[in-house]
N, C-alpha and C. Protein backbone atom coordinates (compact mmCIF):
# COMPACT_ATOMS: atom_id res chain seq x y z
N MET A 1 18.58 -46.72 -5.70
CA MET A 1 19.35 -45.98 -4.67
C MET A 1 18.26 -45.34 -3.79
N LYS A 2 18.51 -45.52 -2.45
CA LYS A 2 17.53 -44.99 -1.43
C LYS A 2 17.81 -43.47 -1.02
N PRO A 3 16.76 -42.59 -1.02
CA PRO A 3 17.01 -41.23 -0.70
C PRO A 3 17.49 -41.04 0.68
N PRO A 4 18.32 -40.02 0.93
CA PRO A 4 18.90 -39.85 2.31
C PRO A 4 17.76 -39.52 3.30
N ALA A 5 17.99 -40.03 4.51
CA ALA A 5 16.92 -39.73 5.57
C ALA A 5 16.95 -38.31 5.95
N PRO A 6 15.78 -37.63 6.18
CA PRO A 6 15.80 -36.30 6.59
C PRO A 6 16.43 -36.11 7.89
N ALA A 7 17.02 -34.88 8.22
CA ALA A 7 17.66 -34.57 9.47
C ALA A 7 16.51 -34.57 10.49
N PRO A 8 17.00 -34.87 11.75
CA PRO A 8 15.95 -35.02 12.89
C PRO A 8 15.03 -33.78 12.97
N PHE A 9 15.64 -32.57 12.84
CA PHE A 9 14.78 -31.37 12.98
C PHE A 9 13.78 -31.31 11.88
N ARG A 10 14.16 -31.54 10.64
CA ARG A 10 13.28 -31.56 9.44
C ARG A 10 12.18 -32.67 9.66
N ARG A 11 12.49 -33.80 10.14
CA ARG A 11 11.62 -34.92 10.37
C ARG A 11 10.52 -34.42 11.33
N ARG A 12 10.83 -33.80 12.46
CA ARG A 12 9.95 -33.46 13.44
C ARG A 12 9.23 -32.18 13.11
N TYR A 13 9.91 -31.15 12.49
CA TYR A 13 9.25 -29.92 12.25
C TYR A 13 8.52 -29.94 10.86
N GLY A 14 9.14 -30.64 9.86
CA GLY A 14 8.46 -30.77 8.56
C GLY A 14 9.22 -29.82 7.63
N ALA A 15 10.04 -28.89 8.02
CA ALA A 15 10.68 -27.98 7.12
C ALA A 15 12.14 -27.60 7.70
N SER A 16 12.75 -26.74 7.06
CA SER A 16 14.16 -26.47 7.46
C SER A 16 14.12 -25.42 8.61
N PRO A 17 15.18 -25.35 9.38
CA PRO A 17 15.34 -24.38 10.43
C PRO A 17 15.15 -22.92 9.88
N LEU A 18 15.59 -22.68 8.71
CA LEU A 18 15.41 -21.34 8.09
C LEU A 18 13.96 -21.00 8.01
N HIS A 19 13.11 -21.90 7.67
CA HIS A 19 11.69 -21.74 7.50
C HIS A 19 11.13 -21.29 8.94
N LEU A 20 11.56 -22.00 9.96
CA LEU A 20 11.05 -21.71 11.30
C LEU A 20 11.51 -20.26 11.73
N LEU A 21 12.71 -19.91 11.32
CA LEU A 21 13.30 -18.63 11.59
C LEU A 21 12.44 -17.46 10.94
N LEU A 22 12.23 -17.70 9.66
CA LEU A 22 11.46 -16.71 8.91
C LEU A 22 10.08 -16.56 9.44
N LEU A 23 9.51 -17.70 9.82
CA LEU A 23 8.06 -17.71 10.36
C LEU A 23 8.13 -16.96 11.63
N LEU A 24 9.02 -17.19 12.53
CA LEU A 24 9.05 -16.44 13.80
C LEU A 24 9.25 -14.97 13.58
N ALA A 25 10.17 -14.60 12.63
CA ALA A 25 10.44 -13.18 12.30
C ALA A 25 9.18 -12.47 11.74
N SER A 26 8.42 -13.22 10.88
CA SER A 26 7.17 -12.66 10.37
C SER A 26 6.15 -12.46 11.45
N PHE A 27 5.99 -13.39 12.43
CA PHE A 27 5.10 -13.26 13.58
C PHE A 27 5.53 -12.08 14.49
N ALA A 28 6.87 -11.94 14.64
CA ALA A 28 7.38 -10.76 15.42
C ALA A 28 7.12 -9.45 14.72
N LEU A 29 7.23 -9.42 13.45
CA LEU A 29 6.92 -8.12 12.68
C LEU A 29 5.42 -7.89 12.81
N ALA A 30 4.54 -8.96 12.64
CA ALA A 30 3.11 -8.72 12.69
C ALA A 30 2.73 -8.26 14.07
N CYS A 31 3.30 -8.82 15.14
CA CYS A 31 2.97 -8.36 16.45
C CYS A 31 3.36 -6.88 16.69
N TYR A 32 4.57 -6.54 16.18
CA TYR A 32 5.02 -5.20 16.30
C TYR A 32 3.99 -4.20 15.56
N ALA A 33 3.72 -4.59 14.35
CA ALA A 33 2.62 -3.71 13.62
C ALA A 33 1.35 -3.61 14.34
N GLY A 34 0.88 -4.76 14.86
CA GLY A 34 -0.42 -4.71 15.59
C GLY A 34 -0.34 -3.87 16.82
N LEU A 35 0.74 -3.93 17.56
CA LEU A 35 0.88 -3.14 18.77
C LEU A 35 0.95 -1.61 18.35
N ARG A 36 1.69 -1.30 17.29
CA ARG A 36 1.78 0.11 16.83
C ARG A 36 0.35 0.54 16.34
N LEU A 37 -0.36 -0.31 15.63
CA LEU A 37 -1.70 -0.03 15.19
C LEU A 37 -2.68 0.21 16.29
N LEU A 38 -2.63 -0.56 17.27
CA LEU A 38 -3.60 -0.43 18.46
C LEU A 38 -3.21 0.66 19.44
N ASP A 39 -2.00 1.22 19.29
CA ASP A 39 -1.57 2.28 20.19
C ASP A 39 -2.43 3.46 20.15
N GLY A 40 -3.05 3.88 19.02
CA GLY A 40 -3.82 4.99 18.93
C GLY A 40 -5.33 4.82 19.42
N ASP A 41 -6.06 4.10 18.70
CA ASP A 41 -7.42 3.85 18.94
C ASP A 41 -7.68 2.35 18.94
N ALA A 42 -7.42 1.70 20.08
CA ALA A 42 -7.59 0.35 20.11
C ALA A 42 -9.00 -0.25 19.92
N LEU A 43 -9.91 0.51 20.42
CA LEU A 43 -11.33 0.03 20.29
C LEU A 43 -11.84 0.20 18.80
N GLY A 44 -11.48 1.34 18.16
CA GLY A 44 -11.84 1.53 16.87
C GLY A 44 -11.18 0.57 15.83
N VAL A 45 -9.93 0.30 16.06
CA VAL A 45 -9.19 -0.69 15.20
C VAL A 45 -9.70 -2.11 15.44
N SER A 46 -10.01 -2.48 16.63
CA SER A 46 -10.59 -3.81 16.93
C SER A 46 -11.98 -3.94 16.27
N LEU A 47 -12.80 -2.92 16.42
CA LEU A 47 -14.05 -2.91 15.83
C LEU A 47 -13.98 -3.09 14.34
N TRP A 48 -13.06 -2.31 13.74
CA TRP A 48 -12.80 -2.44 12.32
C TRP A 48 -12.47 -3.79 11.81
N PHE A 49 -11.48 -4.40 12.62
CA PHE A 49 -11.11 -5.86 12.25
C PHE A 49 -12.21 -6.85 12.34
N VAL A 50 -12.95 -6.79 13.44
CA VAL A 50 -14.13 -7.64 13.63
C VAL A 50 -15.17 -7.41 12.57
N GLY A 51 -15.38 -6.17 12.24
CA GLY A 51 -16.50 -5.87 11.13
C GLY A 51 -15.91 -6.29 9.87
N ALA A 52 -14.67 -6.18 9.44
CA ALA A 52 -14.08 -6.60 8.22
C ALA A 52 -14.17 -8.14 8.15
N ALA A 53 -13.83 -8.81 9.25
CA ALA A 53 -13.97 -10.28 9.21
C ALA A 53 -15.41 -10.70 9.05
N LEU A 54 -16.28 -10.06 9.63
CA LEU A 54 -17.70 -10.53 9.55
C LEU A 54 -18.20 -10.20 8.14
N LEU A 55 -17.85 -9.03 7.58
CA LEU A 55 -18.20 -8.71 6.26
C LEU A 55 -17.70 -9.64 5.24
N HIS A 56 -16.44 -9.97 5.43
CA HIS A 56 -15.82 -10.96 4.47
C HIS A 56 -16.46 -12.31 4.54
N ASP A 57 -16.73 -12.82 5.77
CA ASP A 57 -17.19 -14.18 5.90
C ASP A 57 -18.62 -14.40 5.60
N LEU A 58 -19.34 -13.37 6.01
CA LEU A 58 -20.83 -13.49 5.86
C LEU A 58 -21.35 -12.90 4.50
N VAL A 59 -20.67 -12.04 3.86
CA VAL A 59 -21.14 -11.34 2.70
C VAL A 59 -20.33 -11.64 1.53
N LEU A 60 -19.02 -11.31 1.54
CA LEU A 60 -18.18 -11.37 0.36
C LEU A 60 -17.76 -12.82 0.08
N LEU A 61 -17.51 -13.68 0.97
CA LEU A 61 -17.13 -15.04 0.68
C LEU A 61 -18.28 -15.86 -0.09
N PRO A 62 -19.50 -15.71 0.35
CA PRO A 62 -20.56 -16.41 -0.45
C PRO A 62 -20.70 -15.81 -1.85
N LEU A 63 -20.51 -14.44 -1.87
CA LEU A 63 -20.67 -13.83 -3.31
C LEU A 63 -19.59 -14.21 -4.29
N TYR A 64 -18.41 -14.28 -3.81
CA TYR A 64 -17.33 -14.64 -4.80
C TYR A 64 -17.25 -16.16 -4.96
N ALA A 65 -17.67 -16.95 -4.03
CA ALA A 65 -17.73 -18.34 -4.24
C ALA A 65 -18.85 -18.64 -5.29
N PHE A 66 -19.99 -18.01 -5.18
CA PHE A 66 -21.07 -18.20 -6.19
C PHE A 66 -20.52 -17.63 -7.56
N ALA A 67 -19.91 -16.58 -7.59
CA ALA A 67 -19.34 -15.99 -8.81
C ALA A 67 -18.32 -16.93 -9.44
N ASP A 68 -17.43 -17.57 -8.66
CA ASP A 68 -16.49 -18.58 -9.11
C ASP A 68 -17.12 -19.78 -9.67
N LEU A 69 -18.18 -20.23 -9.03
CA LEU A 69 -18.97 -21.37 -9.49
C LEU A 69 -19.65 -21.08 -10.81
N ALA A 70 -20.16 -19.81 -10.95
CA ALA A 70 -20.88 -19.43 -12.13
C ALA A 70 -19.87 -19.27 -13.37
N VAL A 71 -18.64 -19.06 -13.03
CA VAL A 71 -17.65 -18.95 -14.10
C VAL A 71 -17.11 -20.38 -14.49
N GLN A 72 -16.95 -21.27 -13.46
CA GLN A 72 -16.43 -22.68 -13.63
C GLN A 72 -17.24 -23.52 -14.60
N ARG A 73 -18.65 -23.43 -14.35
CA ARG A 73 -19.51 -24.31 -15.08
C ARG A 73 -19.44 -24.12 -16.57
N PRO A 74 -19.48 -22.91 -17.18
CA PRO A 74 -19.41 -22.76 -18.58
C PRO A 74 -18.08 -23.15 -19.14
N LEU A 75 -16.92 -22.74 -18.41
CA LEU A 75 -15.58 -23.20 -18.91
C LEU A 75 -15.32 -24.59 -18.87
N ALA A 76 -15.79 -25.30 -17.88
CA ALA A 76 -15.50 -26.74 -17.76
C ALA A 76 -16.41 -27.51 -18.64
N ALA A 77 -17.64 -26.90 -19.05
CA ALA A 77 -18.51 -27.62 -19.91
C ALA A 77 -18.10 -27.65 -21.35
N GLY A 78 -17.30 -26.77 -21.76
CA GLY A 78 -16.80 -26.71 -23.18
C GLY A 78 -16.13 -27.99 -23.63
N ALA A 79 -16.14 -28.18 -24.96
CA ALA A 79 -15.49 -29.37 -25.46
C ALA A 79 -14.08 -29.64 -25.10
N ARG A 80 -13.31 -28.58 -25.03
CA ARG A 80 -11.86 -28.80 -24.58
C ARG A 80 -11.64 -28.20 -23.26
N GLY A 81 -12.68 -27.91 -22.43
CA GLY A 81 -12.40 -27.16 -21.20
C GLY A 81 -11.86 -28.05 -20.14
N ARG A 82 -11.19 -27.40 -19.21
CA ARG A 82 -10.59 -28.04 -18.04
C ARG A 82 -11.02 -27.26 -16.84
N ARG A 83 -10.83 -27.88 -15.63
CA ARG A 83 -11.18 -27.03 -14.41
C ARG A 83 -10.18 -25.98 -14.18
N THR A 84 -8.95 -26.06 -14.65
CA THR A 84 -8.00 -25.04 -14.47
C THR A 84 -8.20 -23.87 -15.39
N ASP A 85 -9.05 -23.98 -16.41
CA ASP A 85 -9.27 -22.79 -17.23
C ASP A 85 -9.90 -21.63 -16.49
N VAL A 86 -10.48 -21.90 -15.41
CA VAL A 86 -11.18 -20.87 -14.68
C VAL A 86 -10.14 -19.91 -14.11
N ASN A 87 -8.91 -20.37 -13.93
CA ASN A 87 -7.84 -19.45 -13.45
C ASN A 87 -7.56 -18.27 -14.32
N HIS A 88 -7.94 -18.45 -15.63
CA HIS A 88 -7.86 -17.35 -16.55
C HIS A 88 -8.82 -16.26 -16.29
N VAL A 89 -9.71 -16.51 -15.45
CA VAL A 89 -10.71 -15.45 -15.03
C VAL A 89 -10.29 -15.03 -13.58
N ARG A 90 -9.97 -16.03 -12.76
CA ARG A 90 -9.63 -15.78 -11.35
C ARG A 90 -8.46 -14.84 -11.21
N VAL A 91 -7.42 -14.99 -11.98
CA VAL A 91 -6.12 -14.24 -11.72
C VAL A 91 -6.46 -12.71 -12.07
N PRO A 92 -6.96 -12.40 -13.36
CA PRO A 92 -7.08 -10.93 -13.48
C PRO A 92 -8.17 -10.35 -12.63
N ALA A 93 -9.20 -11.09 -12.20
CA ALA A 93 -10.20 -10.52 -11.30
C ALA A 93 -9.53 -10.31 -9.92
N PHE A 94 -8.64 -11.10 -9.52
CA PHE A 94 -8.02 -10.95 -8.21
C PHE A 94 -7.10 -9.70 -8.29
N VAL A 95 -6.30 -9.61 -9.40
CA VAL A 95 -5.33 -8.37 -9.45
C VAL A 95 -6.13 -7.18 -9.53
N SER A 96 -7.22 -7.16 -10.33
CA SER A 96 -7.98 -5.93 -10.56
C SER A 96 -8.78 -5.67 -9.07
N GLY A 97 -9.16 -6.68 -8.41
CA GLY A 97 -9.71 -6.43 -7.10
C GLY A 97 -8.72 -5.85 -6.17
N VAL A 98 -7.54 -6.34 -6.10
CA VAL A 98 -6.46 -5.79 -5.16
C VAL A 98 -6.18 -4.32 -5.56
N LEU A 99 -6.11 -4.06 -6.84
CA LEU A 99 -5.81 -2.65 -7.32
C LEU A 99 -7.05 -1.79 -6.86
N LEU A 100 -8.24 -2.30 -6.99
CA LEU A 100 -9.34 -1.39 -6.52
C LEU A 100 -9.37 -1.26 -5.03
N LEU A 101 -9.00 -2.34 -4.30
CA LEU A 101 -8.81 -2.19 -2.88
C LEU A 101 -7.80 -1.22 -2.45
N VAL A 102 -6.58 -1.21 -3.09
CA VAL A 102 -5.68 -0.22 -2.63
C VAL A 102 -5.98 1.15 -3.06
N TYR A 103 -6.47 1.34 -4.27
CA TYR A 103 -6.73 2.68 -4.81
C TYR A 103 -8.26 3.12 -4.76
N TRP A 104 -9.09 2.48 -3.96
CA TRP A 104 -10.51 2.79 -4.13
C TRP A 104 -10.85 4.19 -3.80
N PRO A 105 -10.25 4.95 -2.97
CA PRO A 105 -10.63 6.31 -2.77
C PRO A 105 -10.45 7.16 -3.97
N LEU A 106 -9.30 6.78 -4.65
CA LEU A 106 -8.92 7.63 -5.89
C LEU A 106 -9.92 7.07 -7.04
N VAL A 107 -10.06 5.76 -7.17
CA VAL A 107 -10.91 5.26 -8.23
C VAL A 107 -12.37 5.78 -8.17
N LEU A 108 -12.90 5.93 -6.93
CA LEU A 108 -14.19 6.33 -6.70
C LEU A 108 -14.37 7.83 -6.52
N GLY A 109 -13.27 8.53 -6.66
CA GLY A 109 -13.26 10.02 -6.51
C GLY A 109 -13.55 10.46 -5.18
N ARG A 110 -13.21 9.71 -4.01
CA ARG A 110 -13.54 10.13 -2.71
C ARG A 110 -12.46 10.98 -2.01
N VAL A 111 -11.43 11.35 -2.62
CA VAL A 111 -10.32 12.14 -2.07
C VAL A 111 -10.35 13.51 -2.71
N GLY A 112 -10.95 14.50 -1.95
CA GLY A 112 -11.12 15.84 -2.56
C GLY A 112 -9.85 16.61 -2.40
N HIS A 113 -8.94 16.39 -1.56
CA HIS A 113 -7.70 17.14 -1.40
C HIS A 113 -6.59 16.53 -2.27
N PHE A 114 -6.83 15.61 -3.00
CA PHE A 114 -5.68 14.93 -3.70
C PHE A 114 -5.08 15.88 -4.72
N THR A 115 -5.86 16.61 -5.52
CA THR A 115 -5.36 17.52 -6.53
C THR A 115 -4.64 18.63 -5.78
N ALA A 116 -5.21 19.21 -4.75
CA ALA A 116 -4.52 20.28 -4.02
C ALA A 116 -3.26 19.88 -3.47
N SER A 117 -3.11 18.60 -3.02
CA SER A 117 -1.90 18.22 -2.33
C SER A 117 -0.84 17.74 -3.43
N THR A 118 -1.22 17.17 -4.52
CA THR A 118 -0.18 16.65 -5.44
C THR A 118 -0.03 17.46 -6.74
N GLY A 119 -1.12 18.25 -7.09
CA GLY A 119 -1.12 18.89 -8.31
C GLY A 119 -1.49 18.00 -9.52
N LEU A 120 -1.84 16.78 -9.18
CA LEU A 120 -2.25 15.78 -10.24
C LEU A 120 -3.82 15.83 -10.32
N PRO A 121 -4.33 15.48 -11.51
CA PRO A 121 -5.80 15.43 -11.63
C PRO A 121 -6.25 14.11 -10.95
N ASP A 122 -7.38 14.18 -10.30
CA ASP A 122 -7.99 13.04 -9.53
C ASP A 122 -9.12 12.37 -10.31
N ASP A 123 -9.41 12.79 -11.49
CA ASP A 123 -10.54 12.30 -12.19
C ASP A 123 -10.09 11.26 -13.27
N VAL A 124 -8.81 10.83 -13.29
CA VAL A 124 -8.40 9.89 -14.25
C VAL A 124 -8.31 8.46 -13.68
N PHE A 125 -8.43 8.16 -12.49
CA PHE A 125 -8.19 6.92 -11.92
C PHE A 125 -9.19 5.84 -12.21
N LEU A 126 -10.49 6.23 -12.31
CA LEU A 126 -11.50 5.27 -12.75
C LEU A 126 -11.26 4.73 -14.14
N GLY A 127 -10.95 5.62 -15.10
CA GLY A 127 -10.72 5.08 -16.44
C GLY A 127 -9.37 4.35 -16.50
N ARG A 128 -8.37 4.82 -15.70
CA ARG A 128 -7.16 3.94 -15.76
C ARG A 128 -7.36 2.58 -15.11
N TRP A 129 -8.14 2.47 -13.99
CA TRP A 129 -8.37 1.21 -13.44
C TRP A 129 -9.11 0.29 -14.41
N LEU A 130 -10.12 0.94 -15.04
CA LEU A 130 -10.95 0.10 -15.99
C LEU A 130 -10.06 -0.44 -17.17
N LEU A 131 -9.19 0.44 -17.60
CA LEU A 131 -8.28 0.13 -18.75
C LEU A 131 -7.31 -0.99 -18.26
N ILE A 132 -6.78 -0.93 -17.08
CA ILE A 132 -5.88 -1.88 -16.60
C ILE A 132 -6.66 -3.25 -16.42
N THR A 133 -7.83 -3.12 -15.95
CA THR A 133 -8.70 -4.42 -15.73
C THR A 133 -8.91 -5.07 -17.13
N ALA A 134 -9.31 -4.18 -18.08
CA ALA A 134 -9.54 -4.76 -19.40
C ALA A 134 -8.28 -5.34 -20.03
N CYS A 135 -7.21 -4.72 -19.84
CA CYS A 135 -5.90 -5.32 -20.37
C CYS A 135 -5.59 -6.66 -19.66
N LEU A 136 -5.80 -6.69 -18.37
CA LEU A 136 -5.56 -7.98 -17.64
C LEU A 136 -6.40 -9.05 -18.20
N PHE A 137 -7.66 -8.76 -18.38
CA PHE A 137 -8.61 -9.81 -18.88
C PHE A 137 -8.24 -10.17 -20.38
N ALA A 138 -7.82 -9.23 -21.18
CA ALA A 138 -7.49 -9.43 -22.62
C ALA A 138 -6.28 -10.25 -22.63
N ALA A 139 -5.27 -9.98 -21.76
CA ALA A 139 -4.07 -10.81 -21.83
C ALA A 139 -4.34 -12.23 -21.41
N SER A 140 -5.12 -12.35 -20.37
CA SER A 140 -5.56 -13.71 -19.90
C SER A 140 -6.33 -14.45 -20.95
N ALA A 141 -7.16 -13.81 -21.62
CA ALA A 141 -8.02 -14.37 -22.73
C ALA A 141 -7.04 -14.87 -23.83
N ALA A 142 -6.02 -14.10 -24.10
CA ALA A 142 -5.10 -14.44 -25.21
C ALA A 142 -4.39 -15.67 -24.87
N VAL A 143 -3.84 -15.63 -23.58
CA VAL A 143 -3.11 -16.92 -23.09
C VAL A 143 -4.04 -18.17 -23.10
N LEU A 144 -5.34 -17.97 -22.72
CA LEU A 144 -6.26 -19.10 -22.74
C LEU A 144 -6.42 -19.53 -24.19
N ALA A 145 -6.59 -18.62 -25.08
CA ALA A 145 -6.84 -18.96 -26.51
C ALA A 145 -5.59 -19.76 -27.12
N VAL A 146 -4.39 -19.31 -26.72
CA VAL A 146 -3.20 -20.03 -27.20
C VAL A 146 -3.22 -21.45 -26.63
N ARG A 147 -3.55 -21.61 -25.26
CA ARG A 147 -3.47 -22.85 -24.69
C ARG A 147 -4.60 -23.76 -25.26
N LEU A 148 -5.75 -23.27 -25.46
CA LEU A 148 -6.81 -24.08 -26.22
C LEU A 148 -6.45 -24.50 -27.64
N PHE A 149 -5.81 -23.53 -28.31
CA PHE A 149 -5.34 -23.90 -29.64
C PHE A 149 -4.33 -25.01 -29.64
N ARG A 150 -3.26 -24.93 -28.80
CA ARG A 150 -2.34 -25.95 -28.65
C ARG A 150 -2.92 -27.26 -28.19
N ARG A 151 -3.88 -27.24 -27.24
CA ARG A 151 -4.53 -28.42 -26.69
C ARG A 151 -5.30 -29.10 -27.88
N GLY A 152 -6.00 -28.22 -28.73
CA GLY A 152 -6.75 -28.81 -29.82
C GLY A 152 -5.85 -29.53 -30.83
N ARG A 153 -4.72 -28.87 -31.12
CA ARG A 153 -3.77 -29.43 -32.13
C ARG A 153 -3.12 -30.71 -31.52
N SER A 154 -2.84 -30.85 -30.28
CA SER A 154 -2.22 -31.99 -29.66
C SER A 154 -3.32 -33.14 -29.64
N SER A 155 -4.48 -32.73 -29.47
CA SER A 155 -5.61 -33.93 -29.38
C SER A 155 -5.89 -34.49 -30.76
N ARG A 156 -5.59 -33.60 -31.74
CA ARG A 156 -5.98 -34.07 -33.21
C ARG A 156 -4.80 -35.04 -33.59
N ARG A 157 -3.64 -34.92 -33.02
CA ARG A 157 -2.61 -35.84 -33.46
C ARG A 157 -2.67 -37.21 -32.95
């Protein structure tokens, strides 16, 4: 049985009209946010974006590409290793990095008025971030261990 031919719009665009509508809505929202952001200090915000892009492309990208390669080699070199096993390091590192990015002033203790404003202690965030990071890596290691165990059992059969 022959699959049905795609609609003319899907054939030309490559996706459904709903996809195009959502894409246009997200661009409109991004433009609105950009205009609101640039309304106050356009030069400062523009310099920050250019600096962030340069820092990412010239410093951070080579660093985490090298770190990823350094993790891939030992995992893939194992007897039962696969290239996808590196994701068990990538995912918790990514989540931990995003948490650090979002909460870095609190994690590094750079917000002096936090306790006065909220009444909550500001010296617990580093320990909590480290604990969350350790739990993420431990859970990922447990999942990897189960997968390697199952892979080993299936290869012996």
